[in-house]
PDB file of N, CA and C in Angstrom:
ATOM      1  N   MET A   1     -10.520  -1.762  40.233  1.00  0.00           N
ATOM      2  CA  MET A   1      -9.812  -1.439  39.019  1.00  0.00           C
ATOM      3  C   MET A   1     -10.186  -2.462  37.957  1.00  0.00           C
ATOM      4  N   GLY A   2     -10.690  -1.964  36.858  1.00  0.00           N
ATOM      5  CA  GLY A   2     -11.188  -2.850  35.818  1.00  0.00           C
ATOM      6  C   GLY A   2     -10.130  -3.254  34.807  1.00  0.00           C
ATOM      7  N   SER A   3     -10.587  -4.040  33.891  1.00  0.00           N
ATOM      8  CA  SER A   3      -9.672  -4.535  32.863  1.00  0.00           C
ATOM      9  C   SER A   3      -9.309  -3.469  31.846  1.00  0.00           C
ATOM     10  N   GLU A   4     -10.089  -2.376  31.807  1.00  0.00           N
ATOM     11  CA  GLU A   4      -9.778  -1.330  30.843  1.00  0.00           C
ATOM     12  C   GLU A   4      -8.443  -0.653  31.120  1.00  0.00           C
ATOM     13  N   VAL A   5      -7.964  -0.732  32.355  1.00  0.00           N
ATOM     14  CA  VAL A   5      -6.674  -0.143  32.700  1.00  0.00           C
ATOM     15  C   VAL A   5      -5.537  -1.027  32.185  1.00  0.00           C
ATOM     16  N   ILE A   6      -5.770  -2.299  32.056  1.00  0.00           N
ATOM     17  CA  ILE A   6      -4.737  -3.249  31.652  1.00  0.00           C
ATOM     18  C   ILE A   6      -4.622  -3.345  30.140  1.00  0.00           C
ATOM     19  N   ILE A   7      -5.697  -3.065  29.412  1.00  0.00           N
ATOM     20  CA  ILE A   7      -5.715  -3.291  27.968  1.00  0.00           C
ATOM     21  C   ILE A   7      -4.709  -2.406  27.235  1.00  0.00           C
ATOM     22  N   MET A   8      -4.676  -1.130  27.508  1.00  0.00           N
ATOM     23  CA  MET A   8      -3.785  -0.211  26.782  1.00  0.00           C
ATOM     24  C   MET A   8      -2.311  -0.534  26.996  1.00  0.00           C
ATOM     25  N   PRO A   9      -1.842  -0.753  28.228  1.00  0.00           N
ATOM     26  CA  PRO A   9      -0.433  -1.157  28.364  1.00  0.00           C
ATOM     27  C   PRO A   9      -0.127  -2.495  27.690  1.00  0.00           C
ATOM     28  N   ALA A  10      -1.083  -3.396  27.686  1.00  0.00           N
ATOM     29  CA  ALA A  10      -0.859  -4.686  27.026  1.00  0.00           C
ATOM     30  C   ALA A  10      -0.697  -4.501  25.520  1.00  0.00           C
ATOM     31  N   ILE A  11      -1.537  -3.665  24.920  1.00  0.00           N
ATOM     32  CA  ILE A  11      -1.435  -3.416  23.481  1.00  0.00           C
ATOM     33  C   ILE A  11      -0.106  -2.733  23.148  1.00  0.00           C
ATOM     34  N   LEU A  12       0.252  -1.732  23.944  1.00  0.00           N
ATOM     35  CA  LEU A  12       1.522  -1.046  23.706  1.00  0.00           C
ATOM     36  C   LEU A  12       2.709  -1.987  23.916  1.00  0.00           C
ATOM     37  N   GLY A  13       2.615  -2.879  24.906  1.00  0.00           N
ATOM     38  CA  GLY A  13       3.680  -3.854  25.132  1.00  0.00           C
ATOM     39  C   GLY A  13       3.834  -4.820  23.971  1.00  0.00           C
ATOM     40  N   VAL A  14       2.727  -5.243  23.389  1.00  0.00           N
ATOM     41  CA  VAL A  14       2.786  -6.149  22.240  1.00  0.00           C
ATOM     42  C   VAL A  14       3.419  -5.437  21.045  1.00  0.00           C
ATOM     43  N   ILE A  15       3.024  -4.195  20.807  1.00  0.00           N
ATOM     44  CA  ILE A  15       3.597  -3.439  19.688  1.00  0.00           C
ATOM     45  C   ILE A  15       5.098  -3.238  19.895  1.00  0.00           C
ATOM     46  N   PHE A  16       5.494  -2.881  21.109  1.00  0.00           N
ATOM     47  CA  PHE A  16       6.916  -2.711  21.404  1.00  0.00           C
ATOM     48  C   PHE A  16       7.663  -4.028  21.234  1.00  0.00           C
ATOM     49  N   GLY A  17       7.076  -5.140  21.702  1.00  0.00           N
ATOM     50  CA  GLY A  17       7.724  -6.446  21.587  1.00  0.00           C
ATOM     51  C   GLY A  17       7.940  -6.857  20.135  1.00  0.00           C
ATOM     52  N   ILE A  18       6.949  -6.628  19.292  1.00  0.00           N
ATOM     53  CA  ILE A  18       7.091  -6.966  17.878  1.00  0.00           C
ATOM     54  C   ILE A  18       8.172  -6.112  17.236  1.00  0.00           C
ATOM     55  N   TYR A  19       8.177  -4.820  17.540  1.00  0.00           N
ATOM     56  CA  TYR A  19       9.196  -3.925  16.983  1.00  0.00           C
ATOM     57  C   TYR A  19      10.591  -4.332  17.460  1.00  0.00           C
ATOM     58  N   TYR A  20      10.727  -4.654  18.736  1.00  0.00           N
ATOM     59  CA  TYR A  20      12.018  -5.058  19.295  1.00  0.00           C
ATOM     60  C   TYR A  20      12.522  -6.345  18.639  1.00  0.00           C
ATOM     61  N   LEU A  21      11.635  -7.319  18.465  1.00  0.00           N
ATOM     62  CA  LEU A  21      12.040  -8.568  17.822  1.00  0.00           C
ATOM     63  C   LEU A  21      12.459  -8.334  16.379  1.00  0.00           C
ATOM     64  N   TYR A  22      11.766  -7.462  15.679  1.00  0.00           N
ATOM     65  CA  TYR A  22      12.109  -7.155  14.298  1.00  0.00           C
ATOM     66  C   TYR A  22      13.499  -6.529  14.213  1.00  0.00           C
ATOM     67  N   ILE A  23      13.755  -5.536  15.053  1.00  0.00           N
ATOM     68  CA  ILE A  23      15.042  -4.847  15.022  1.00  0.00           C
ATOM     69  C   ILE A  23      16.176  -5.773  15.458  1.00  0.00           C
ATOM     70  N   SER A  24      15.968  -6.535  16.525  1.00  0.00           N
ATOM     71  CA  SER A  24      17.053  -7.391  17.017  1.00  0.00           C
ATOM     72  C   SER A  24      17.356  -8.537  16.052  1.00  0.00           C
ATOM     73  N   SER A  25      16.332  -9.116  15.434  1.00  0.00           N
ATOM     74  CA  SER A  25      16.597 -10.206  14.488  1.00  0.00           C
ATOM     75  C   SER A  25      17.261  -9.679  13.227  1.00  0.00           C
ATOM     76  N   ARG A  26      16.896  -8.480  12.792  1.00  0.00           N
ATOM     77  CA  ARG A  26      17.530  -7.885  11.622  1.00  0.00           C
ATOM     78  C   ARG A  26      19.004  -7.603  11.910  1.00  0.00           C
ATOM     79  N   ASN A  27      19.277  -7.122  13.122  1.00  0.00           N
ATOM     80  CA  ASN A  27      20.657  -6.829  13.508  1.00  0.00           C
ATOM     81  C   ASN A  27      21.486  -8.113  13.559  1.00  0.00           C
ATOM     82  N   LYS A  28      20.931  -9.165  14.141  1.00  0.00           N
ATOM     83  CA  LYS A  28      21.665 -10.436  14.229  1.00  0.00           C
ATOM     84  C   LYS A  28      21.928 -11.022  12.841  1.00  0.00           C
ATOM     85  N   GLU A  29      20.939 -10.898  11.964  1.00  0.00           N
ATOM     86  CA  GLU A  29      21.110 -11.418  10.613  1.00  0.00           C
ATOM     87  C   GLU A  29      22.197 -10.653   9.862  1.00  0.00           C
ATOM     88  N   ARG A  30      22.212  -9.354  10.013  1.00  0.00           N
ATOM     89  CA  ARG A  30      23.236  -8.545   9.345  1.00  0.00           C
ATOM     90  C   ARG A  30      24.631  -8.832   9.894  1.00  0.00           C
ATOM     91  N   LEU A  31      24.733  -8.990  11.209  1.00  0.00           N
ATOM     92  CA  LEU A  31      26.037  -9.317  11.796  1.00  0.00           C
ATOM     93  C   LEU A  31      26.539 -10.665  11.311  1.00  0.00           C
ATOM     94  N   ALA A  32      25.648 -11.643  11.187  1.00  0.00           N
ATOM     95  CA  ALA A  32      26.054 -12.959  10.701  1.00  0.00           C
ATOM     96  C   ALA A  32      26.523 -12.888   9.253  1.00  0.00           C
ATOM     97  N   LEU A  33      25.850 -12.090   8.430  1.00  0.00           N
ATOM     98  CA  LEU A  33      26.279 -11.955   7.041  1.00  0.00           C
ATOM     99  C   LEU A  33      27.615 -11.223   6.936  1.00  0.00           C
ATOM    100  N   ILE A  34      27.829 -10.230   7.786  1.00  0.00           N
ATOM    101  CA  ILE A  34      29.096  -9.505   7.766  1.00  0.00           C
ATOM    102  C   ILE A  34      30.241 -10.419   8.203  1.00  0.00           C
ATOM    103  N   GLU A  35      29.983 -11.278   9.192  1.00  0.00           N
ATOM    104  CA  GLU A  35      31.019 -12.214   9.648  1.00  0.00           C
ATOM    105  C   GLU A  35      31.408 -13.191   8.550  1.00  0.00           C
ATOM    106  N   LYS A  36      30.458 -13.535   7.697  1.00  0.00           N
ATOM    107  CA  LYS A  36      30.752 -14.463   6.599  1.00  0.00           C
ATOM    108  C   LYS A  36      31.394 -13.753   5.418  1.00  0.00           C
ATOM    109  N   GLY A  37      31.473 -12.430   5.489  1.00  0.00           N
ATOM    110  CA  GLY A  37      32.138 -11.688   4.417  1.00  0.00           C
ATOM    111  C   GLY A  37      31.209 -11.251   3.303  1.00  0.00           C
ATOM    112  N   ALA A  38      29.935 -11.150   3.560  1.00  0.00           N
ATOM    113  CA  ALA A  38      28.987 -10.718   2.530  1.00  0.00           C
ATOM    114  C   ALA A  38      29.147  -9.227   2.262  1.00  0.00           C
ATOM    115  N   ASP A  39      28.772  -8.819   1.072  1.00  0.00           N
ATOM    116  CA  ASP A  39      28.876  -7.418   0.679  1.00  0.00           C
ATOM    117  C   ASP A  39      27.782  -6.616   1.375  1.00  0.00           C
ATOM    118  N   ALA A  40      28.085  -5.409   1.786  1.00  0.00           N
ATOM    119  CA  ALA A  40      27.131  -4.570   2.511  1.00  0.00           C
ATOM    120  C   ALA A  40      26.024  -4.037   1.608  1.00  0.00           C
ATOM    121  N   SER A  41      26.181  -4.144   0.301  1.00  0.00           N
ATOM    122  CA  SER A  41      25.170  -3.610  -0.605  1.00  0.00           C
ATOM    123  C   SER A  41      23.874  -4.420  -0.569  1.00  0.00           C
ATOM    124  N   ILE A  42      23.926  -5.635  -0.029  1.00  0.00           N
ATOM    125  CA  ILE A  42      22.696  -6.427   0.030  1.00  0.00           C
ATOM    126  C   ILE A  42      21.722  -5.895   1.075  1.00  0.00           C
ATOM    127  N   PHE A  43      22.180  -5.017   1.956  1.00  0.00           N
ATOM    128  CA  PHE A  43      21.302  -4.464   2.971  1.00  0.00           C
ATOM    129  C   PHE A  43      20.446  -3.315   2.453  1.00  0.00           C
ATOM    130  N   PHE A  44      20.800  -2.786   1.318  1.00  0.00           N
ATOM    131  CA  PHE A  44      20.069  -1.651   0.780  1.00  0.00           C
ATOM    132  C   PHE A  44      19.276  -2.087  -0.431  1.00  0.00           C
ATOM    133  N   ASN A  45      18.109  -1.499  -0.597  1.00  0.00           N
ATOM    134  CA  ASN A  45      17.243  -1.817  -1.717  1.00  0.00           C
ATOM    135  C   ASN A  45      17.816  -1.157  -2.970  1.00  0.00           C
ATOM    136  N   SER A  46      18.184  -1.967  -3.930  1.00  0.00           N
ATOM    137  CA  SER A  46      18.786  -1.422  -5.137  1.00  0.00           C
ATOM    138  C   SER A  46      17.742  -0.868  -6.100  1.00  0.00           C
ATOM    139  N   LYS A  47      16.513  -1.380  -6.040  1.00  0.00           N
ATOM    140  CA  LYS A  47      15.460  -0.886  -6.928  1.00  0.00           C
ATOM    141  C   LYS A  47      14.842   0.361  -6.315  1.00  0.00           C
ATOM    142  N   LYS A  48      14.861   1.418  -7.052  1.00  0.00           N
ATOM    143  CA  LYS A  48      14.215   2.649  -6.607  1.00  0.00           C
ATOM    144  C   LYS A  48      12.765   2.600  -7.040  1.00  0.00           C
ATOM    145  N   SER A  49      11.886   2.971  -6.145  1.00  0.00           N
ATOM    146  CA  SER A  49      10.474   3.028  -6.477  1.00  0.00           C
ATOM    147  C   SER A  49      10.239   4.229  -7.376  1.00  0.00           C
ATOM    148  N   LEU A  50       9.698   3.972  -8.542  1.00  0.00           N
ATOM    149  CA  LEU A  50       9.455   5.051  -9.482  1.00  0.00           C
ATOM    150  C   LEU A  50       8.239   5.876  -9.087  1.00  0.00           C
ATOM    151  N   THR A  51       7.286   5.247  -8.441  1.00  0.00           N
ATOM    152  CA  THR A  51       6.082   5.938  -8.021  1.00  0.00           C
ATOM    153  C   THR A  51       6.253   6.405  -6.582  1.00  0.00           C
ATOM    154  N   PRO A  52       6.101   7.698  -6.322  1.00  0.00           N
ATOM    155  CA  PRO A  52       6.216   8.182  -4.944  1.00  0.00           C
ATOM    156  C   PRO A  52       5.108   7.593  -4.064  1.00  0.00           C
ATOM    157  N   THR A  53       5.447   7.387  -2.816  1.00  0.00           N
ATOM    158  CA  THR A  53       4.505   6.777  -1.880  1.00  0.00           C
ATOM    159  C   THR A  53       3.284   7.660  -1.677  1.00  0.00           C
ATOM    160  N   TRP A  54       3.454   8.965  -1.702  1.00  0.00           N
ATOM    161  CA  TRP A  54       2.332   9.864  -1.459  1.00  0.00           C
ATOM    162  C   TRP A  54       1.284   9.744  -2.555  1.00  0.00           C
ATOM    163  N   LYS A  55       1.704   9.455  -3.799  1.00  0.00           N
ATOM    164  CA  LYS A  55       0.725   9.302  -4.877  1.00  0.00           C
ATOM    165  C   LYS A  55      -0.129   8.064  -4.648  1.00  0.00           C
ATOM    166  N   VAL A  56       0.507   6.988  -4.238  1.00  0.00           N
ATOM    167  CA  VAL A  56      -0.224   5.745  -3.970  1.00  0.00           C
ATOM    168  C   VAL A  56      -1.178   5.939  -2.798  1.00  0.00           C
ATOM    169  N   LEU A  57      -0.708   6.614  -1.755  1.00  0.00           N
ATOM    170  CA  LEU A  57      -1.534   6.854  -0.575  1.00  0.00           C
ATOM    171  C   LEU A  57      -2.735   7.734  -0.902  1.00  0.00           C
ATOM    172  N   VAL A  58      -2.501   8.805  -1.645  1.00  0.00           N
ATOM    173  CA  VAL A  58      -3.598   9.711  -2.006  1.00  0.00           C
ATOM    174  C   VAL A  58      -4.602   9.000  -2.904  1.00  0.00           C
ATOM    175  N   LEU A  59      -4.123   8.204  -3.845  1.00  0.00           N
ATOM    176  CA  LEU A  59      -5.023   7.476  -4.738  1.00  0.00           C
ATOM    177  C   LEU A  59      -5.902   6.509  -3.965  1.00  0.00           C
ATOM    178  N   ASN A  60      -5.300   5.712  -3.092  1.00  0.00           N
ATOM    179  CA  ASN A  60      -6.083   4.739  -2.322  1.00  0.00           C
ATOM    180  C   ASN A  60      -7.026   5.416  -1.335  1.00  0.00           C
ATOM    181  N   LEU A  61      -6.593   6.496  -0.718  1.00  0.00           N
ATOM    182  CA  LEU A  61      -7.453   7.219   0.215  1.00  0.00           C
ATOM    183  C   LEU A  61      -8.636   7.858  -0.509  1.00  0.00           C
ATOM    184  N   ALA A  62      -8.386   8.406  -1.694  1.00  0.00           N
ATOM    185  CA  ALA A  62      -9.471   9.018  -2.466  1.00  0.00           C
ATOM    186  C   ALA A  62     -10.497   7.974  -2.895  1.00  0.00           C
ATOM    187  N   VAL A  63     -10.029   6.844  -3.369  1.00  0.00           N
ATOM    188  CA  VAL A  63     -10.953   5.791  -3.794  1.00  0.00           C
ATOM    189  C   VAL A  63     -11.724   5.255  -2.595  1.00  0.00           C
ATOM    190  N   LEU A  64     -11.058   5.114  -1.447  1.00  0.00           N
ATOM    191  CA  LEU A  64     -11.734   4.620  -0.245  1.00  0.00           C
ATOM    192  C   LEU A  64     -12.810   5.590   0.229  1.00  0.00           C
ATOM    193  N   THR A  65     -12.513   6.877   0.279  1.00  0.00           N
ATOM    194  CA  THR A  65     -13.520   7.834   0.743  1.00  0.00           C
ATOM    195  C   THR A  65     -14.694   7.926  -0.230  1.00  0.00           C
ATOM    196  N   MET A  66     -14.430   7.803  -1.526  1.00  0.00           N
ATOM    197  CA  MET A  66     -15.535   7.762  -2.482  1.00  0.00           C
ATOM    198  C   MET A  66     -16.390   6.519  -2.263  1.00  0.00           C
ATOM    199  N   GLY A  67     -15.733   5.413  -1.967  1.00  0.00           N
ATOM    200  CA  GLY A  67     -16.473   4.183  -1.712  1.00  0.00           C
ATOM    201  C   GLY A  67     -17.307   4.266  -0.445  1.00  0.00           C
ATOM    202  N   ILE A  68     -16.786   4.893   0.598  1.00  0.00           N
ATOM    203  CA  ILE A  68     -17.543   5.055   1.837  1.00  0.00           C
ATOM    204  C   ILE A  68     -18.744   5.961   1.599  1.00  0.00           C
ATOM    205  N   GLY A  69     -18.541   7.039   0.852  1.00  0.00           N
ATOM    206  CA  GLY A  69     -19.657   7.928   0.524  1.00  0.00           C
ATOM    207  C   GLY A  69     -20.728   7.217  -0.290  1.00  0.00           C
ATOM    208  N   LEU A  70     -20.301   6.424  -1.259  1.00  0.00           N
ATOM    209  CA  LEU A  70     -21.251   5.656  -2.056  1.00  0.00           C
ATOM    210  C   LEU A  70     -21.970   4.624  -1.194  1.00  0.00           C
ATOM    211  N   GLY A  71     -21.254   4.028  -0.245  1.00  0.00           N
ATOM    212  CA  GLY A  71     -21.875   3.058   0.659  1.00  0.00           C
ATOM    213  C   GLY A  71     -22.937   3.703   1.533  1.00  0.00           C
ATOM    214  N   ILE A  72     -22.674   4.919   2.021  1.00  0.00           N
ATOM    215  CA  ILE A  72     -23.681   5.630   2.818  1.00  0.00           C
ATOM    216  C   ILE A  72     -24.898   5.949   1.961  1.00  0.00           C
ATOM    217  N   PHE A  73     -24.666   6.382   0.737  1.00  0.00           N
ATOM    218  CA  PHE A  73     -25.765   6.710  -0.177  1.00  0.00           C
ATOM    219  C   PHE A  73     -26.611   5.474  -0.486  1.00  0.00           C
ATOM    220  N   ILE A  74     -25.969   4.364  -0.809  1.00  0.00           N
ATOM    221  CA  ILE A  74     -26.707   3.132  -1.117  1.00  0.00           C
ATOM    222  C   ILE A  74     -27.417   2.611   0.128  1.00  0.00           C
ATOM    223  N   GLY A  75     -26.765   2.722   1.292  1.00  0.00           N
ATOM    224  CA  GLY A  75     -27.411   2.300   2.537  1.00  0.00           C
ATOM    225  C   GLY A  75     -28.659   3.101   2.830  1.00  0.00           C
ATOM    226  N   ASN A  76     -28.611   4.412   2.591  1.00  0.00           N
ATOM    227  CA  ASN A  76     -29.794   5.253   2.794  1.00  0.00           C
ATOM    228  C   ASN A  76     -30.890   4.885   1.814  1.00  0.00           C
ATOM    229  N   MET A  77     -30.520   4.611   0.573  1.00  0.00           N
ATOM    230  CA  MET A  77     -31.523   4.195  -0.415  1.00  0.00           C
ATOM    231  C   MET A  77     -32.164   2.870  -0.025  1.00  0.00           C
ATOM    232  N   MET A  78     -31.358   1.935   0.472  1.00  0.00           N
ATOM    233  CA  MET A  78     -31.910   0.640   0.886  1.00  0.00           C
ATOM    234  C   MET A  78     -32.816   0.804   2.099  1.00  0.00           C
ATOM    235  N   HIS A  79     -32.472   1.729   2.980  1.00  0.00           N
ATOM    236  CA  HIS A  79     -33.294   1.965   4.168  1.00  0.00           C
ATOM    237  C   HIS A  79     -34.637   2.581   3.795  1.00  0.00           C
ATOM    238  N   THR A  80     -34.611   3.574   2.920  1.00  0.00           N
ATOM    239  CA  THR A  80     -35.863   4.245   2.572  1.00  0.00           C
ATOM    240  C   THR A  80     -36.692   3.455   1.583  1.00  0.00           C
ATOM    241  N   THR A  81     -36.067   2.789   0.623  1.00  0.00           N
ATOM    242  CA  THR A  81     -36.814   2.084  -0.418  1.00  0.00           C
ATOM    243  C   THR A  81     -37.309   0.719   0.046  1.00  0.00           C
ATOM    244  N   PHE A  82     -36.436  -0.073   0.589  1.00  0.00           N
ATOM    245  CA  PHE A  82     -36.791  -1.441   0.951  1.00  0.00           C
ATOM    246  C   PHE A  82     -37.201  -1.594   2.406  1.00  0.00           C
ATOM    247  N   GLY A  83     -37.072  -0.552   3.191  1.00  0.00           N
ATOM    248  CA  GLY A  83     -37.454  -0.619   4.598  1.00  0.00           C
ATOM    249  C   GLY A  83     -36.490  -1.426   5.452  1.00  0.00           C
ATOM    250  N   LEU A  84     -35.261  -1.582   4.986  1.00  0.00           N
ATOM    251  CA  LEU A  84     -34.247  -2.304   5.742  1.00  0.00           C
ATOM    252  C   LEU A  84     -33.881  -1.498   6.981  1.00  0.00           C
ATOM    253  N   PRO A  85     -33.677  -2.123   8.120  1.00  0.00           N
ATOM    254  CA  PRO A  85     -33.289  -1.361   9.318  1.00  0.00           C
ATOM    255  C   PRO A  85     -31.949  -0.652   9.104  1.00  0.00           C
ATOM    256  N   GLU A  86     -31.820   0.527   9.730  1.00  0.00           N
ATOM    257  CA  GLU A  86     -30.584   1.300   9.591  1.00  0.00           C
ATOM    258  C   GLU A  86     -29.374   0.528  10.096  1.00  0.00           C
ATOM    259  N   GLU A  87     -29.560  -0.268  11.158  1.00  0.00           N
ATOM    260  CA  GLU A  87     -28.456  -1.015  11.763  1.00  0.00           C
ATOM    261  C   GLU A  87     -27.880  -2.050  10.805  1.00  0.00           C
ATOM    262  N   VAL A  88     -28.644  -2.436   9.797  1.00  0.00           N
ATOM    263  CA  VAL A  88     -28.177  -3.426   8.831  1.00  0.00           C
ATOM    264  C   VAL A  88     -27.730  -2.741   7.542  1.00  0.00           C
ATOM    265  N   ALA A  89     -28.517  -1.781   7.087  1.00  0.00           N
ATOM    266  CA  ALA A  89     -28.269  -1.181   5.778  1.00  0.00           C
ATOM    267  C   ALA A  89     -26.968  -0.384   5.744  1.00  0.00           C
ATOM    268  N   PHE A  90     -26.769   0.494   6.705  1.00  0.00           N
ATOM    269  CA  PHE A  90     -25.608   1.373   6.649  1.00  0.00           C
ATOM    270  C   PHE A  90     -24.276   0.644   6.835  1.00  0.00           C
ATOM    271  N   PRO A  91     -24.071  -0.111   7.923  1.00  0.00           N
ATOM    272  CA  PRO A  91     -22.760  -0.769   8.059  1.00  0.00           C
ATOM    273  C   PRO A  91     -22.490  -1.787   6.954  1.00  0.00           C
ATOM    274  N   GLY A  92     -23.510  -2.501   6.549  1.00  0.00           N
ATOM    275  CA  GLY A  92     -23.306  -3.511   5.504  1.00  0.00           C
ATOM    276  C   GLY A  92     -22.843  -2.914   4.197  1.00  0.00           C
ATOM    277  N   THR A  93     -23.539  -1.873   3.754  1.00  0.00           N
ATOM    278  CA  THR A  93     -23.146  -1.277   2.475  1.00  0.00           C
ATOM    279  C   THR A  93     -21.852  -0.475   2.579  1.00  0.00           C
ATOM    280  N   ILE A  94     -21.621   0.162   3.716  1.00  0.00           N
ATOM    281  CA  ILE A  94     -20.368   0.916   3.865  1.00  0.00           C
ATOM    282  C   ILE A  94     -19.173  -0.027   3.781  1.00  0.00           C
ATOM    283  N   PHE A  95     -19.216  -1.146   4.502  1.00  0.00           N
ATOM    284  CA  PHE A  95     -18.092  -2.077   4.465  1.00  0.00           C
ATOM    285  C   PHE A  95     -17.972  -2.775   3.113  1.00  0.00           C
ATOM    286  N   LEU A  96     -19.098  -3.124   2.498  1.00  0.00           N
ATOM    287  CA  LEU A  96     -19.055  -3.789   1.202  1.00  0.00           C
ATOM    288  C   LEU A  96     -18.472  -2.874   0.135  1.00  0.00           C
ATOM    289  N   VAL A  97     -19.004  -1.666   0.014  1.00  0.00           N
ATOM    290  CA  VAL A  97     -18.517  -0.752  -1.020  1.00  0.00           C
ATOM    291  C   VAL A  97     -17.121  -0.246  -0.671  1.00  0.00           C
ATOM    292  N   GLY A  98     -16.815  -0.077   0.616  1.00  0.00           N
ATOM    293  CA  GLY A  98     -15.456   0.310   1.005  1.00  0.00           C
ATOM    294  C   GLY A  98     -14.444  -0.755   0.620  1.00  0.00           C
ATOM    295  N   GLY A  99     -14.789  -2.006   0.821  1.00  0.00           N
ATOM    296  CA  GLY A  99     -13.899  -3.096   0.424  1.00  0.00           C
ATOM    297  C   GLY A  99     -13.728  -3.182  -1.079  1.00  0.00           C
ATOM    298  N   ILE A 100     -14.814  -3.003  -1.802  1.00  0.00           N
ATOM    299  CA  ILE A 100     -14.727  -2.992  -3.263  1.00  0.00           C
ATOM    300  C   ILE A 100     -13.857  -1.836  -3.740  1.00  0.00           C
ATOM    301  N   SER A 101     -13.987  -0.682  -3.075  1.00  0.00           N
ATOM    302  CA  SER A 101     -13.172   0.459  -3.480  1.00  0.00           C
ATOM    303  C   SER A 101     -11.694   0.239  -3.158  1.00  0.00           C
ATOM    304  N   LEU A 102     -11.373  -0.428  -2.061  1.00  0.00           N
ATOM    305  CA  LEU A 102      -9.974  -0.752  -1.776  1.00  0.00           C
ATOM    306  C   LEU A 102      -9.418  -1.728  -2.815  1.00  0.00           C
ATOM    307  N   PHE A 103     -10.242  -2.658  -3.232  1.00  0.00           N
ATOM    308  CA  PHE A 103      -9.849  -3.604  -4.277  1.00  0.00           C
ATOM    309  C   PHE A 103      -9.595  -2.859  -5.586  1.00  0.00           C
ATOM    310  N   THR A 104     -10.464  -1.906  -5.904  1.00  0.00           N
ATOM    311  CA  THR A 104     -10.289  -1.083  -7.102  1.00  0.00           C
ATOM    312  C   THR A 104      -9.030  -0.230  -6.984  1.00  0.00           C
ATOM    313  N   GLY A 105      -8.800   0.339  -5.809  1.00  0.00           N
ATOM    314  CA  GLY A 105      -7.601   1.137  -5.582  1.00  0.00           C
ATOM    315  C   GLY A 105      -6.326   0.330  -5.760  1.00  0.00           C
ATOM    316  N   PHE A 106      -6.379  -0.945  -5.385  1.00  0.00           N
ATOM    317  CA  PHE A 106      -5.216  -1.820  -5.579  1.00  0.00           C
ATOM    318  C   PHE A 106      -4.880  -1.941  -7.050  1.00  0.00           C
ATOM    319  N   PHE A 107      -5.889  -2.159  -7.890  1.00  0.00           N
ATOM    320  CA  PHE A 107      -5.634  -2.303  -9.312  1.00  0.00           C
ATOM    321  C   PHE A 107      -5.226  -0.982  -9.962  1.00  0.00           C
ATOM    322  N   LEU A 108      -5.775   0.131  -9.494  1.00  0.00           N
ATOM    323  CA  LEU A 108      -5.352   1.429 -10.011  1.00  0.00           C
ATOM    324  C   LEU A 108      -3.906   1.718  -9.634  1.00  0.00           C
ATOM    325  N   THR A 109      -3.508   1.353  -8.426  1.00  0.00           N
ATOM    326  CA  THR A 109      -2.121   1.531  -8.003  1.00  0.00           C
ATOM    327  C   THR A 109      -1.195   0.648  -8.826  1.00  0.00           C
ATOM    328  N   LYS A 110      -1.636  -0.558  -9.104  1.00  0.00           N
ATOM    329  CA  LYS A 110      -0.847  -1.480  -9.912  1.00  0.00           C
ATOM    330  C   LYS A 110      -0.629  -0.910 -11.313  1.00  0.00           C
ATOM    331  N   LYS A 111      -1.680  -0.328 -11.889  1.00  0.00           N
ATOM    332  CA  LYS A 111      -1.537   0.305 -13.198  1.00  0.00           C
ATOM    333  C   LYS A 111      -0.592   1.499 -13.141  1.00  0.00           C
ATOM    334  N   LEU A 112      -0.698   2.295 -12.073  1.00  0.00           N
ATOM    335  CA  LEU A 112       0.160   3.468 -11.912  1.00  0.00           C
ATOM    336  C   LEU A 112       1.627   3.071 -11.825  1.00  0.00           C
ATOM    337  N   VAL A 113       1.918   2.011 -11.106  1.00  0.00           N
ATOM    338  CA  VAL A 113       3.296   1.555 -10.942  1.00  0.00           C
ATOM    339  C   VAL A 113       3.826   0.979 -12.254  1.00  0.00           C
ATOM    340  N   GLU A 114       2.983   0.238 -12.976  1.00  0.00           N
ATOM    341  CA  GLU A 114       3.420  -0.363 -14.241  1.00  0.00           C
ATOM    342  C   GLU A 114       3.659   0.699 -15.308  1.00  0.00           C
ATOM    343  N   ARG A 115       2.869   1.775 -15.265  1.00  0.00           N
ATOM    344  CA  ARG A 115       2.974   2.832 -16.261  1.00  0.00           C
ATOM    345  C   ARG A 115       4.288   3.602 -16.118  1.00  0.00           C
ATOM    346  N   GLN A 116       4.761   3.756 -14.906  1.00  0.00           N
ATOM    347  CA  GLN A 116       5.962   4.576 -14.692  1.00  0.00           C
ATOM    348  C   GLN A 116       7.215   3.757 -14.698  1.00  0.00           C
TER     349      GLN A 116
END
């Protein structure tokens, strides 16, 4: 029996452990505040997000997929024009342009939130 059988339960156990610690510490913190007589309104977010989450998600996903497509195109051009090996050209440009597109998506999201 190899280590591949152990990896998946270990990953799931770590995810469960982090979630459990988050929930239990949040519960303990809330109980301590209630015992001290704090108002229950501090547990709820008073600021409503003006921009729906789906708009931000669609915007970032669209910019990312455009960046990945552009990275594939530039990688192919570098492979055919400069003779760069495929193993270097494609992953390098895909990750570089994908990262740039995520950075661009961040600023577009920031503008969208400020506008509304």
